[in-house]
Amino acid sequence: MNDRFLAAEPKFRIRARYTDTTITVYQAYRPGIGLAAARDGRFPGEWKRDRMTWIFSAPTAR
């Protein structure tokens, strides 16, 4: 690999699917959080709300 390619790679990426009306973003969690959330339908006590990441979408011209 050359240095130019490595420098162009972003440190973080957002994985999502989208349509004209929706955006679905995929978030990874540690197994202790993700498995408990999938099993119980809610986040466990170790999940911290203050560690959330907010993603905002700017309006697009049509």
PDB file of N, CA and C in Angstrom:
ATOM      1  N   MET A   1       0.845  -1.191   0.000  1.00  0.00           N
ATOM      2  CA  MET A   1       0.000   0.000   0.000  1.00  0.00           C
ATOM      3  C   MET A   1       0.879   1.239   0.000  1.00  0.00           C
ATOM      4  N   ASN A   2       0.388   2.268  -0.648  1.00  0.00           N
ATOM      5  CA  ASN A   2       1.167   3.504  -0.627  1.00  0.00           C
ATOM      6  C   ASN A   2       0.626   4.462   0.426  1.00  0.00           C
ATOM      7  N   ASP A   3       1.446   5.431   0.815  1.00  0.00           N
ATOM      8  CA  ASP A   3       1.072   6.368   1.878  1.00  0.00           C
ATOM      9  C   ASP A   3      -0.112   7.244   1.500  1.00  0.00           C
ATOM     10  N   ARG A   4      -0.257   7.563   0.225  1.00  0.00           N
ATOM     11  CA  ARG A   4      -1.380   8.409  -0.189  1.00  0.00           C
ATOM     12  C   ARG A   4      -2.714   7.710   0.067  1.00  0.00           C
ATOM     13  N   PHE A   5      -2.779   6.432  -0.200  1.00  0.00           N
ATOM     14  CA  PHE A   5      -4.016   5.688   0.038  1.00  0.00           C
ATOM     15  C   PHE A   5      -4.345   5.664   1.527  1.00  0.00           C
ATOM     16  N   LEU A   6      -3.359   5.399   2.366  1.00  0.00           N
ATOM     17  CA  LEU A   6      -3.599   5.347   3.804  1.00  0.00           C
ATOM     18  C   LEU A   6      -4.037   6.690   4.352  1.00  0.00           C
ATOM     19  N   ALA A   7      -3.462   7.766   3.869  1.00  0.00           N
ATOM     20  CA  ALA A   7      -3.826   9.102   4.346  1.00  0.00           C
ATOM     21  C   ALA A   7      -5.255   9.458   3.946  1.00  0.00           C
ATOM     22  N   ALA A   8      -5.745   8.911   2.839  1.00  0.00           N
ATOM     23  CA  ALA A   8      -7.080   9.244   2.351  1.00  0.00           C
ATOM     24  C   ALA A   8      -8.173   8.463   3.092  1.00  0.00           C
ATOM     25  N   GLU A   9      -7.814   7.389   3.779  1.00  0.00           N
ATOM     26  CA  GLU A   9      -8.807   6.589   4.489  1.00  0.00           C
ATOM     27  C   GLU A   9      -9.287   7.325   5.732  1.00  0.00           C
ATOM     28  N   PRO A  10     -10.601   7.461   5.919  1.00  0.00           N
ATOM     29  CA  PRO A  10     -11.107   8.132   7.119  1.00  0.00           C
ATOM     30  C   PRO A  10     -10.878   7.281   8.366  1.00  0.00           C
ATOM     31  N   LYS A  11     -10.731   7.943   9.497  1.00  0.00           N
ATOM     32  CA  LYS A  11     -10.545   7.227  10.755  1.00  0.00           C
ATOM     33  C   LYS A  11     -11.836   6.529  11.181  1.00  0.00           C
ATOM     34  N   PHE A  12     -12.964   7.183  10.974  1.00  0.00           N
ATOM     35  CA  PHE A  12     -14.261   6.622  11.341  1.00  0.00           C
ATOM     36  C   PHE A  12     -15.166   6.609  10.121  1.00  0.00           C
ATOM     37  N   ARG A  13     -16.071   5.652  10.080  1.00  0.00           N
ATOM     38  CA  ARG A  13     -17.041   5.560   8.988  1.00  0.00           C
ATOM     39  C   ARG A  13     -18.426   5.363   9.581  1.00  0.00           C
ATOM     40  N   ILE A  14     -19.415   5.836   8.880  1.00  0.00           N
ATOM     41  CA  ILE A  14     -20.801   5.611   9.280  1.00  0.00           C
ATOM     42  C   ILE A  14     -21.395   4.614   8.294  1.00  0.00           C
ATOM     43  N   ARG A  15     -21.916   3.529   8.799  1.00  0.00           N
ATOM     44  CA  ARG A  15     -22.581   2.522   7.972  1.00  0.00           C
ATOM     45  C   ARG A  15     -24.079   2.785   8.031  1.00  0.00           C
ATOM     46  N   ALA A  16     -24.717   2.915   6.876  1.00  0.00           N
ATOM     47  CA  ALA A  16     -26.142   3.220   6.861  1.00  0.00           C
ATOM     48  C   ALA A  16     -26.765   2.764   5.554  1.00  0.00           C
ATOM     49  N   ARG A  17     -28.064   2.555   5.614  1.00  0.00           N
ATOM     50  CA  ARG A  17     -28.885   2.365   4.414  1.00  0.00           C
ATOM     51  C   ARG A  17     -29.833   3.541   4.359  1.00  0.00           C
ATOM     52  N   TYR A  18     -30.190   3.969   3.161  1.00  0.00           N
ATOM     53  CA  TYR A  18     -31.083   5.119   3.081  1.00  0.00           C
ATOM     54  C   TYR A  18     -31.997   5.023   1.872  1.00  0.00           C
ATOM     55  N   THR A  19     -33.128   5.703   1.992  1.00  0.00           N
ATOM     56  CA  THR A  19     -34.075   5.868   0.898  1.00  0.00           C
ATOM     57  C   THR A  19     -34.381   7.357   0.816  1.00  0.00           C
ATOM     58  N   ASP A  20     -35.360   7.729   0.022  1.00  0.00           N
ATOM     59  CA  ASP A  20     -35.753   9.138  -0.055  1.00  0.00           C
ATOM     60  C   ASP A  20     -36.359   9.643   1.253  1.00  0.00           C
ATOM     61  N   THR A  21     -36.862   8.730   2.086  1.00  0.00           N
ATOM     62  CA  THR A  21     -37.566   9.166   3.298  1.00  0.00           C
ATOM     63  C   THR A  21     -36.955   8.688   4.615  1.00  0.00           C
ATOM     64  N   THR A  22     -36.031   7.724   4.584  1.00  0.00           N
ATOM     65  CA  THR A  22     -35.474   7.203   5.832  1.00  0.00           C
ATOM     66  C   THR A  22     -33.966   7.013   5.745  1.00  0.00           C
ATOM     67  N   ILE A  23     -33.334   7.027   6.903  1.00  0.00           N
ATOM     68  CA  ILE A  23     -31.926   6.663   7.038  1.00  0.00           C
ATOM     69  C   ILE A  23     -31.836   5.691   8.207  1.00  0.00           C
ATOM     70  N   THR A  24     -31.253   4.514   7.971  1.00  0.00           N
ATOM     71  CA  THR A  24     -31.041   3.538   9.028  1.00  0.00           C
ATOM     72  C   THR A  24     -29.546   3.441   9.277  1.00  0.00           C
ATOM     73  N   VAL A  25     -29.123   3.774  10.492  1.00  0.00           N
ATOM     74  CA  VAL A  25     -27.706   3.777  10.851  1.00  0.00           C
ATOM     75  C   VAL A  25     -27.426   2.569  11.730  1.00  0.00           C
ATOM     76  N   TYR A  26     -26.312   1.905  11.477  1.00  0.00           N
ATOM     77  CA  TYR A  26     -25.930   0.722  12.234  1.00  0.00           C
ATOM     78  C   TYR A  26     -24.881   1.096  13.271  1.00  0.00           C
ATOM     79  N   GLN A  27     -25.093   0.683  14.501  1.00  0.00           N
ATOM     80  CA  GLN A  27     -24.186   0.995  15.608  1.00  0.00           C
ATOM     81  C   GLN A  27     -23.683  -0.308  16.217  1.00  0.00           C
ATOM     82  N   ALA A  28     -22.394  -0.405  16.443  1.00  0.00           N
ATOM     83  CA  ALA A  28     -21.815  -1.585  17.084  1.00  0.00           C
ATOM     84  C   ALA A  28     -21.642  -1.332  18.576  1.00  0.00           C
ATOM     85  N   TYR A  29     -21.903  -2.353  19.369  1.00  0.00           N
ATOM     86  CA  TYR A  29     -21.725  -2.292  20.819  1.00  0.00           C
ATOM     87  C   TYR A  29     -20.870  -3.470  21.258  1.00  0.00           C
ATOM     88  N   ARG A  30     -20.250  -3.339  22.408  1.00  0.00           N
ATOM     89  CA  ARG A  30     -19.541  -4.477  22.998  1.00  0.00           C
ATOM     90  C   ARG A  30     -20.545  -5.603  23.209  1.00  0.00           C
ATOM     91  N   PRO A  31     -20.092  -6.861  23.172  1.00  0.00           N
ATOM     92  CA  PRO A  31     -21.020  -7.983  23.353  1.00  0.00           C
ATOM     93  C   PRO A  31     -21.856  -7.895  24.627  1.00  0.00           C
ATOM     94  N   GLY A  32     -21.280  -7.441  25.727  1.00  0.00           N
ATOM     95  CA  GLY A  32     -22.035  -7.346  26.976  1.00  0.00           C
ATOM     96  C   GLY A  32     -23.218  -6.407  26.883  1.00  0.00           C
ATOM     97  N   ILE A  33     -23.100  -5.380  26.066  1.00  0.00           N
ATOM     98  CA  ILE A  33     -24.194  -4.426  25.879  1.00  0.00           C
ATOM     99  C   ILE A  33     -25.126  -4.897  24.764  1.00  0.00           C
ATOM    100  N   GLY A  34     -24.560  -5.253  23.620  1.00  0.00           N
ATOM    101  CA  GLY A  34     -25.367  -5.635  22.465  1.00  0.00           C
ATOM    102  C   GLY A  34     -26.210  -6.880  22.687  1.00  0.00           C
ATOM    103  N   LEU A  35     -25.619  -7.912  23.272  1.00  0.00           N
ATOM    104  CA  LEU A  35     -26.369  -9.151  23.503  1.00  0.00           C
ATOM    105  C   LEU A  35     -27.497  -8.947  24.507  1.00  0.00           C
ATOM    106  N   ALA A  36     -27.209  -8.214  25.588  1.00  0.00           N
ATOM    107  CA  ALA A  36     -28.258  -7.942  26.584  1.00  0.00           C
ATOM    108  C   ALA A  36     -29.379  -7.096  25.984  1.00  0.00           C
ATOM    109  N   ALA A  37     -29.039  -6.108  25.175  1.00  0.00           N
ATOM    110  CA  ALA A  37     -30.060  -5.257  24.553  1.00  0.00           C
ATOM    111  C   ALA A  37     -30.934  -6.065  23.593  1.00  0.00           C
ATOM    112  N   ALA A  38     -30.318  -6.941  22.802  1.00  0.00           N
ATOM    113  CA  ALA A  38     -31.091  -7.770  21.869  1.00  0.00           C
ATOM    114  C   ALA A  38     -31.983  -8.753  22.627  1.00  0.00           C
ATOM    115  N   ARG A  39     -31.480  -9.306  23.689  1.00  0.00           N
ATOM    116  CA  ARG A  39     -32.240 -10.287  24.474  1.00  0.00           C
ATOM    117  C   ARG A  39     -33.392  -9.641  25.242  1.00  0.00           C
ATOM    118  N   ASP A  40     -33.127  -8.486  25.882  1.00  0.00           N
ATOM    119  CA  ASP A  40     -34.102  -7.875  26.788  1.00  0.00           C
ATOM    120  C   ASP A  40     -34.933  -6.760  26.161  1.00  0.00           C
ATOM    121  N   GLY A  41     -34.536  -6.305  24.961  1.00  0.00           N
ATOM    122  CA  GLY A  41     -35.277  -5.227  24.309  1.00  0.00           C
ATOM    123  C   GLY A  41     -35.022  -3.856  24.918  1.00  0.00           C
ATOM    124  N   ARG A  42     -33.959  -3.731  25.694  1.00  0.00           N
ATOM    125  CA  ARG A  42     -33.569  -2.443  26.285  1.00  0.00           C
ATOM    126  C   ARG A  42     -32.083  -2.514  26.619  1.00  0.00           C
ATOM    127  N   PHE A  43     -31.486  -1.353  26.782  1.00  0.00           N
ATOM    128  CA  PHE A  43     -30.066  -1.322  27.117  1.00  0.00           C
ATOM    129  C   PHE A  43     -29.853  -1.690  28.579  1.00  0.00           C
ATOM    130  N   PRO A  44     -28.766  -2.410  28.880  1.00  0.00           N
ATOM    131  CA  PRO A  44     -28.477  -2.764  30.273  1.00  0.00           C
ATOM    132  C   PRO A  44     -27.921  -1.565  31.044  1.00  0.00           C
ATOM    133  N   GLY A  45     -27.801  -1.707  32.353  1.00  0.00           N
ATOM    134  CA  GLY A  45     -27.339  -0.625  33.213  1.00  0.00           C
ATOM    135  C   GLY A  45     -25.961  -0.093  32.875  1.00  0.00           C
ATOM    136  N   GLU A  46     -25.089  -0.930  32.292  1.00  0.00           N
ATOM    137  CA  GLU A  46     -23.735  -0.457  31.974  1.00  0.00           C
ATOM    138  C   GLU A  46     -23.695   0.482  30.762  1.00  0.00           C
ATOM    139  N   TRP A  47     -24.784   0.547  29.982  1.00  0.00           N
ATOM    140  CA  TRP A  47     -24.856   1.449  28.831  1.00  0.00           C
ATOM    141  C   TRP A  47     -24.993   2.877  29.329  1.00  0.00           C
ATOM    142  N   LYS A  48     -24.204   3.788  28.777  1.00  0.00           N
ATOM    143  CA  LYS A  48     -24.184   5.177  29.234  1.00  0.00           C
ATOM    144  C   LYS A  48     -24.763   6.103  28.164  1.00  0.00           C
ATOM    145  N   ARG A  49     -25.838   6.801  28.504  1.00  0.00           N
ATOM    146  CA  ARG A  49     -26.480   7.734  27.581  1.00  0.00           C
ATOM    147  C   ARG A  49     -25.527   8.857  27.164  1.00  0.00           C
ATOM    148  N   ASP A  50     -24.643   9.272  28.056  1.00  0.00           N
ATOM    149  CA  ASP A  50     -23.738  10.382  27.738  1.00  0.00           C
ATOM    150  C   ASP A  50     -22.641   9.993  26.756  1.00  0.00           C
ATOM    151  N   ARG A  51     -22.582   8.728  26.340  1.00  0.00           N
ATOM    152  CA  ARG A  51     -21.596   8.307  25.351  1.00  0.00           C
ATOM    153  C   ARG A  51     -22.211   8.160  23.961  1.00  0.00           C
ATOM    154  N   MET A  52     -23.437   8.633  23.777  1.00  0.00           N
ATOM    155  CA  MET A  52     -24.105   8.522  22.482  1.00  0.00           C
ATOM    156  C   MET A  52     -23.463   9.452  21.462  1.00  0.00           C
ATOM    157  N   THR A  53     -23.585   9.083  20.204  1.00  0.00           N
ATOM    158  CA  THR A  53     -23.142   9.920  19.098  1.00  0.00           C
ATOM    159  C   THR A  53     -24.378  10.361  18.331  1.00  0.00           C
ATOM    160  N   TRP A  54     -24.464  11.650  18.074  1.00  0.00           N
ATOM    161  CA  TRP A  54     -25.602  12.187  17.331  1.00  0.00           C
ATOM    162  C   TRP A  54     -25.191  12.412  15.891  1.00  0.00           C
ATOM    163  N   ILE A  55     -26.055  12.017  14.973  1.00  0.00           N
ATOM    164  CA  ILE A  55     -25.814  12.197  13.542  1.00  0.00           C
ATOM    165  C   ILE A  55     -26.926  13.079  13.012  1.00  0.00           C
ATOM    166  N   PHE A  56     -26.544  14.197  12.422  1.00  0.00           N
ATOM    167  CA  PHE A  56     -27.523  15.137  11.890  1.00  0.00           C
ATOM    168  C   PHE A  56     -27.437  15.136  10.373  1.00  0.00           C
ATOM    169  N   SER A  57     -28.572  15.261   9.746  1.00  0.00           N
ATOM    170  CA  SER A  57     -28.638  15.312   8.290  1.00  0.00           C
ATOM    171  C   SER A  57     -29.011  16.721   7.862  1.00  0.00           C
ATOM    172  N   ALA A  58     -28.211  17.274   6.994  1.00  0.00           N
ATOM    173  CA  ALA A  58     -28.512  18.598   6.461  1.00  0.00           C
ATOM    174  C   ALA A  58     -29.551  18.466   5.352  1.00  0.00           C
ATOM    175  N   PRO A  59     -30.432  19.446   5.203  1.00  0.00           N
ATOM    176  CA  PRO A  59     -31.408  19.401   4.105  1.00  0.00           C
ATOM    177  C   PRO A  59     -30.690  19.371   2.757  1.00  0.00           C
ATOM    178  N   THR A  60     -31.264  18.669   1.825  1.00  0.00           N
ATOM    179  CA  THR A  60     -30.670  18.603   0.489  1.00  0.00           C
ATOM    180  C   THR A  60     -31.534  19.362  -0.499  1.00  0.00           C
ATOM    181  N   ALA A  61     -30.901  19.903  -1.502  1.00  0.00           N
ATOM    182  CA  ALA A  61     -31.633  20.607  -2.562  1.00  0.00           C
ATOM    183  C   ALA A  61     -32.282  19.581  -3.474  1.00  0.00           C
ATOM    184  N   ARG A  62     -33.470  19.838  -3.865  1.00  0.00           N
ATOM    185  CA  ARG A  62     -34.168  18.922  -4.784  1.00  0.00           C
ATOM    186  C   ARG A  62     -34.413  19.599  -6.098  1.00  0.00           C
TER     187      ARG A  62
END
